[in-house]
Protein backbone atom coordinates (compact mmCIF):
# COMPACT_ATOMS: atom_id res chain seq x y z
CA MET A 1 14.82 -3.66 -16.45
CA THR A 2 18.46 -3.86 -15.45
CA SER A 3 20.35 -7.16 -15.38
CA ALA A 4 19.88 -7.13 -11.59
CA GLY A 5 16.09 -7.04 -12.01
CA PHE A 6 15.38 -3.41 -11.15
CA LEU A 7 13.78 -0.64 -13.18
CA ARG A 8 16.21 1.41 -15.21
CA PRO A 9 16.98 4.86 -13.74
CA ALA A 10 15.01 6.69 -16.47
CA ALA A 11 11.92 4.60 -15.67
CA VAL A 12 12.40 5.23 -11.94
CA LYS A 13 12.42 9.00 -12.52
CA GLU A 14 9.36 8.75 -14.76
CA LEU A 15 7.38 6.75 -12.20
CA ALA A 16 8.60 8.87 -9.28
CA ALA A 17 7.21 11.98 -10.98
CA VAL A 18 3.64 10.64 -10.83
CA LEU A 19 3.55 8.68 -7.55
CA PRO A 20 1.88 10.66 -4.74
CA SER A 21 3.96 8.68 -2.23
CA MET A 22 7.06 10.38 -3.66
CA ALA A 23 5.79 13.88 -2.71
CA GLU A 24 8.08 14.22 0.29
CA TRP A 25 10.70 11.60 -0.48
CA PRO A 26 13.78 13.40 0.83
CA PHE A 27 16.25 11.65 -1.47
CA GLY A 28 16.76 11.54 -5.21
CA SER A 29 15.04 9.19 -7.60
CA GLY A 30 17.69 7.55 -9.70
CA ILE A 31 18.30 3.95 -8.70
CA GLU A 32 15.16 1.95 -7.92
CA LEU A 33 16.65 0.11 -4.95
CA ASN A 34 17.40 3.49 -3.33
CA THR A 35 13.96 4.93 -4.15
CA ASP A 36 11.76 3.04 -1.71
CA PRO A 37 8.34 4.32 -2.86
CA VAL A 38 9.02 3.33 -6.48
CA TYR A 39 10.57 -0.03 -5.59
CA HIS A 40 7.78 -1.03 -3.21
CA PHE A 41 5.08 0.17 -5.61
CA ARG A 42 6.49 -1.99 -8.42
CA GLU A 43 6.74 -4.99 -6.09
CA TYR A 44 3.14 -4.38 -4.97
CA MET A 45 1.91 -4.26 -8.57
CA VAL A 46 3.55 -7.65 -9.16
CA ALA A 47 2.16 -9.08 -5.90
CA VAL A 48 -1.44 -8.13 -6.76
CA GLY A 49 -1.13 -9.57 -10.24
CA LEU A 50 -1.08 -6.45 -12.40
CA LEU A 51 2.54 -6.73 -13.60
CA ARG A 52 5.02 -9.53 -14.12
CA SER A 53 8.65 -9.76 -15.06
CA TYR A 54 9.51 -11.73 -18.19
CA ARG A 55 12.99 -11.97 -19.73
CA GLY A 56 14.13 -8.70 -18.23
CA MET A 57 10.96 -6.84 -19.20
CA LEU A 58 8.15 -5.63 -16.97
CA MET A 59 4.87 -6.57 -18.60
CA LEU A 60 1.16 -6.21 -17.90
CA THR A 61 -0.65 -9.36 -16.90
CA PRO A 62 -4.08 -10.06 -18.40
CA GLN A 63 -5.58 -8.45 -15.25
CA GLY A 64 -3.23 -5.52 -15.73
CA ARG A 65 -4.37 -5.04 -19.34
CA GLN A 66 -8.03 -5.11 -18.27
CA SER A 67 -7.29 -2.65 -15.47
CA LEU A 68 -5.44 -0.30 -17.82
CA ALA A 69 -8.40 -0.31 -20.19
CA ASP A 70 -11.00 0.37 -17.47
CA PRO A 71 -10.24 2.24 -14.22
CA ALA A 72 -13.34 0.69 -12.60
CA ILE A 73 -11.78 -2.75 -13.06
CA LEU A 74 -8.53 -1.51 -11.50
CA TRP A 75 -10.41 -0.01 -8.54
CA LYS A 76 -12.34 -3.24 -7.94
CA HIS A 77 -9.17 -5.34 -8.22
CA ILE A 78 -7.29 -3.19 -5.69
CA ALA A 79 -10.30 -3.29 -3.34
CA GLN A 80 -10.42 -7.09 -3.64
CA THR A 81 -6.71 -7.54 -2.93
CA LEU A 82 -6.34 -4.96 -0.17
CA ILE A 83 -7.26 -7.32 2.68
CA LEU A 84 -5.91 -10.57 1.31
CA GLY A 85 -3.40 -11.97 3.73
CA ASP A 86 -1.30 -15.03 4.32
CA SER A 87 -2.76 -15.64 7.79
CA THR A 88 -5.70 -14.86 10.06
CA TYR A 89 -3.44 -12.44 11.93
CA HIS A 90 -2.58 -10.55 8.72
CA THR A 91 -6.25 -10.35 7.77
CA GLU A 92 -7.33 -9.07 11.18
CA VAL A 93 -4.48 -6.56 11.33
CA SER A 94 -5.56 -5.40 7.87
CA VAL A 95 -9.16 -4.86 8.88
CA VAL A 96 -8.29 -3.02 12.11
CA ALA A 97 -5.59 -0.92 10.41
CA LEU A 98 -7.79 -0.01 7.43
CA ILE A 99 -10.68 1.05 9.65
CA HIS A 100 -8.32 3.17 11.72
CA MET A 101 -6.65 4.66 8.64
CA ALA A 102 -9.97 5.51 7.01
CA THR A 103 -11.45 7.14 10.11
CA SER A 104 -8.42 9.05 11.40
CA GLU A 105 -8.41 12.78 10.78
CA GLY A 106 -4.78 13.33 11.69
CA GLU A 107 -1.69 11.19 11.61
CA ILE A 108 -2.17 7.45 11.86
CA ASP A 109 -1.68 6.23 15.44
CA VAL A 110 0.10 2.91 14.96
CA ALA A 111 0.14 2.29 18.73
CA ALA A 112 -3.68 2.57 18.79
CA ILE A 113 -3.90 -0.15 16.13
CA ALA A 114 -1.64 -2.37 18.24
CA ARG A 115 -3.73 -1.69 21.37
CA THR A 116 -6.92 -2.59 19.49
CA LEU A 117 -5.40 -5.88 18.36
CA SER A 118 -4.40 -6.64 21.95
CA VAL A 119 -7.92 -5.86 23.17
CA ILE A 120 -9.47 -8.28 20.66
CA GLY A 121 -7.16 -11.03 21.88
CA TRP A 122 -3.97 -10.99 19.85
CA GLU A 123 -0.75 -11.49 21.79
CA HIS A 124 2.64 -13.11 21.38
CA GLU A 125 3.14 -16.75 22.35
CA ASP A 126 4.93 -15.61 25.50
CA GLY A 127 1.97 -13.41 26.50
CA ASP A 128 3.52 -10.08 25.50
CA SER A 129 1.14 -7.53 24.01
CA ILE A 130 1.11 -6.64 20.35
CA SER A 131 3.29 -3.60 19.66
CA HIS A 132 3.50 -1.09 16.85
CA ARG A 133 6.34 -3.15 15.34
CA ASP A 134 3.98 -6.11 14.99
CA VAL A 135 1.58 -4.18 12.78
CA ALA A 136 4.19 -2.24 10.80
CA ARG A 137 4.69 -4.77 7.97
CA VAL A 138 0.96 -5.00 7.25
CA LEU A 139 0.43 -1.27 7.63
CA ASN A 140 3.37 -0.46 5.37
CA GLY A 141 1.95 -2.81 2.76
CA HIS A 142 -1.34 -0.92 2.79
CA TRP A 143 0.45 2.38 2.36
CA ILE A 144 2.07 1.18 -0.82
CA ALA A 145 -1.41 1.05 -2.36
CA LEU A 146 -3.28 3.69 -0.38
CA GLY A 147 -0.52 6.30 -0.34
CA ASN A 148 -0.75 6.36 -4.12
CA VAL A 149 -4.52 6.75 -4.41
CA GLY A 150 -5.65 10.30 -4.99
CA THR A 151 -3.67 13.24 -3.81
CA GLU A 152 -2.27 14.00 -0.43
CA GLU A 153 -4.53 17.00 0.09
CA ALA A 154 -4.61 16.35 3.83
CA HIS A 155 -0.83 16.61 4.18
CA THR A 156 0.35 20.06 3.18
CA ASP A 157 3.34 20.73 5.45
CA SER A 158 6.26 20.29 3.08
CA SER A 159 8.76 21.67 5.58
CA ARG A 160 9.30 18.27 7.16
CA PHE A 161 9.38 14.67 6.04
CA THR A 162 6.51 12.64 7.48
CA PRO A 163 6.70 8.87 7.14
CA LEU A 164 3.91 7.61 4.88
CA VAL A 165 2.39 5.43 7.57
CA ARG A 166 1.74 8.50 9.69
CA ARG A 167 -0.02 10.55 7.01
CA PRO A 168 -3.80 10.77 6.73
CA LEU A 169 -5.44 9.05 3.75
CA SER A 170 -6.72 11.04 0.79
CA GLN A 171 -10.50 11.10 0.34
CA ALA A 172 -10.19 8.74 -2.64
CA ALA A 173 -8.17 6.28 -0.54
CA ARG A 174 -10.86 6.38 2.16
CA VAL A 175 -13.46 5.43 -0.43
CA LEU A 176 -11.22 2.57 -1.60
CA VAL A 177 -10.96 1.30 1.97
CA ALA A 178 -14.74 1.44 2.33
CA ASP A 179 -15.11 -0.55 -0.90
CA ALA A 180 -12.57 -3.11 0.33
CA LEU A 181 -14.24 -3.52 3.71
CA PHE A 182 -17.94 -3.14 3.02
CA GLN A 183 -18.82 -4.09 -0.53
CA ARG A 184 -19.38 -7.66 -1.54
CA VAL A 185 -17.11 -8.43 -4.42
CA PRO A 186 -16.69 -11.79 -6.10
CA PRO A 187 -13.48 -13.65 -5.24
CA LEU A 188 -10.46 -13.23 -7.47
CA ARG A 189 -9.98 -15.80 -10.20
CA GLY A 190 -6.78 -17.66 -10.86
């Protein structure tokens, strides 16, 4: 890592070459801070406990080593951490957004997610309805994981840049959502 705590440009290019979320990134992939899909993916891997930074090096955690050795362990870990949130609101937004993402055939309708949250009773303290901006942070967080699962076979128009949050999920990502929502998995340790 650089002295500023980012991946070195060579590592950014290497990771960018294999991340599905980079498929339509309209900019170069040199500096991590300017390569959003790579930067957010690395941050996500740290947040879910697969990587950690130590003395300027990016290292696998014990969970990361187990996940590297067995893809089934990685899959289960991602499914377990997909809905974890820091509040009831975050958890409920996650569930509604994931169901919508997994069942949408076309582009993700962020406004529909916001409307659903309003219908089930979420609103601002002043009574205003939930808007697409209110779900964006949670939805973007899910795309960091889900946009990199499988291929983007459903999105084939390379003539225009489509924001990740508007793209349909890959079939593999839909299965991951189903596992996160509907399979009983033991709670994470430590």
